[in-house]
Amino acid sequence: MQHRVACDGGGGALGHPLVYMEIGDGGAVDCGYCDRRFVLVADLALDNEYRDPAPRHDAH
């Protein structure tokens, strides 16, 4: 099972460059650009199945 995720900020033209990250032994990784957190869910996704990242909770 690969633990690689990609993030582009999710904001279209307002996003950031596409970056790839590895989810380590802690089960999560944070994007260095936008601080979006990706958490490994062990029970649902197949290796080739795309999963949309968790929605942002932007502070107002």
C-alpha atoms as a PDB file:
ATOM      1  CA  MET A   1       0.000   0.000   0.000  1.00  0.00           C
ATOM      2  CA  GLN A   2       1.358   3.407  -0.944  1.00  0.00           C
ATOM      3  CA  HIS A   3       1.024   6.264   1.468  1.00  0.00           C
ATOM      4  CA  ARG A   4       1.627   9.087  -1.020  1.00  0.00           C
ATOM      5  CA  VAL A   5      -0.738  12.051  -1.313  1.00  0.00           C
ATOM      6  CA  ALA A   6      -0.769  15.146  -3.507  1.00  0.00           C
ATOM      7  CA  CYS A   7      -1.920  18.678  -2.657  1.00  0.00           C
ATOM      8  CA  ASP A   8      -2.376  21.774  -4.814  1.00  0.00           C
ATOM      9  CA  GLY A   9      -4.142  23.907  -2.229  1.00  0.00           C
ATOM     10  CA  GLY A  10      -7.561  23.173  -3.686  1.00  0.00           C
ATOM     11  CA  GLY A  11      -8.055  26.787  -4.729  1.00  0.00           C
ATOM     12  CA  GLY A  12      -7.637  26.564  -8.501  1.00  0.00           C
ATOM     13  CA  ALA A  13      -5.673  29.630  -9.575  1.00  0.00           C
ATOM     14  CA  LEU A  14      -5.450  30.666  -5.913  1.00  0.00           C
ATOM     15  CA  GLY A  15      -3.882  27.359  -4.841  1.00  0.00           C
ATOM     16  CA  HIS A  16      -0.188  26.496  -4.720  1.00  0.00           C
ATOM     17  CA  PRO A  17       2.207  24.313  -6.743  1.00  0.00           C
ATOM     18  CA  LEU A  18       1.354  20.626  -6.793  1.00  0.00           C
ATOM     19  CA  VAL A  19       3.380  18.806  -4.150  1.00  0.00           C
ATOM     20  CA  TYR A  20       3.578  15.117  -3.268  1.00  0.00           C
ATOM     21  CA  MET A  21       4.036  13.941   0.319  1.00  0.00           C
ATOM     22  CA  GLU A  22       4.494  10.601   2.046  1.00  0.00           C
ATOM     23  CA  ILE A  23       2.346   9.721   5.043  1.00  0.00           C
ATOM     24  CA  GLY A  24       4.798   8.417   7.616  1.00  0.00           C
ATOM     25  CA  ASP A  25       4.481   6.105  10.582  1.00  0.00           C
ATOM     26  CA  GLY A  26       2.415   8.696  12.461  1.00  0.00           C
ATOM     27  CA  GLY A  27      -0.465   8.197   9.992  1.00  0.00           C
ATOM     28  CA  ALA A  28      -0.707  11.848   8.905  1.00  0.00           C
ATOM     29  CA  VAL A  29       1.170  14.540   6.983  1.00  0.00           C
ATOM     30  CA  ASP A  30       0.626  18.312   6.729  1.00  0.00           C
ATOM     31  CA  CYS A  31       1.134  20.284   3.523  1.00  0.00           C
ATOM     32  CA  GLY A  32       4.000  22.734   3.894  1.00  0.00           C
ATOM     33  CA  TYR A  33       2.189  25.345   1.774  1.00  0.00           C
ATOM     34  CA  CYS A  34      -1.383  25.401   3.062  1.00  0.00           C
ATOM     35  CA  ASP A  35      -1.234  23.288   6.248  1.00  0.00           C
ATOM     36  CA  ARG A  36      -3.943  20.919   4.960  1.00  0.00           C
ATOM     37  CA  ARG A  37      -3.674  17.658   6.914  1.00  0.00           C
ATOM     38  CA  PHE A  38      -3.894  14.267   5.211  1.00  0.00           C
ATOM     39  CA  VAL A  39      -4.722  11.337   7.488  1.00  0.00           C
ATOM     40  CA  LEU A  40      -4.383   7.686   6.560  1.00  0.00           C
ATOM     41  CA  VAL A  41      -7.678   5.811   6.806  1.00  0.00           C
ATOM     42  CA  ALA A  42      -6.799   2.150   7.032  1.00  0.00           C
ATOM     43  CA  ASP A  43     -10.113   0.522   6.161  1.00  0.00           C
ATOM     44  CA  LEU A  44     -11.655   2.073   3.033  1.00  0.00           C
ATOM     45  CA  ALA A  45      -9.498   2.957   0.033  1.00  0.00           C
ATOM     46  CA  LEU A  46      -8.018   0.588  -2.485  1.00  0.00           C
ATOM     47  CA  ASP A  47      -4.482   1.389  -3.684  1.00  0.00           C
ATOM     48  CA  ASN A  48      -5.784   2.772  -6.987  1.00  0.00           C
ATOM     49  CA  GLU A  49      -8.874   4.560  -5.636  1.00  0.00           C
ATOM     50  CA  TYR A  50      -8.828   8.381  -5.454  1.00  0.00           C
ATOM     51  CA  ARG A  51     -10.085   9.866  -2.216  1.00  0.00           C
ATOM     52  CA  ASP A  52     -10.888  13.535  -1.910  1.00  0.00           C
ATOM     53  CA  PRO A  53      -8.989  15.151   0.961  1.00  0.00           C
ATOM     54  CA  ALA A  54     -10.827  16.377   4.029  1.00  0.00           C
ATOM     55  CA  PRO A  55     -12.560  19.741   3.612  1.00  0.00           C
ATOM     56  CA  ARG A  56     -10.798  22.821   4.882  1.00  0.00           C
ATOM     57  CA  HIS A  57     -11.979  24.548   8.016  1.00  0.00           C
ATOM     58  CA  ASP A  58     -10.819  28.075   7.283  1.00  0.00           C
ATOM     59  CA  ALA A  59     -10.945  30.519  10.173  1.00  0.00           C
ATOM     60  CA  HIS A  60     -12.924  33.667   9.498  1.00  0.00           C
END
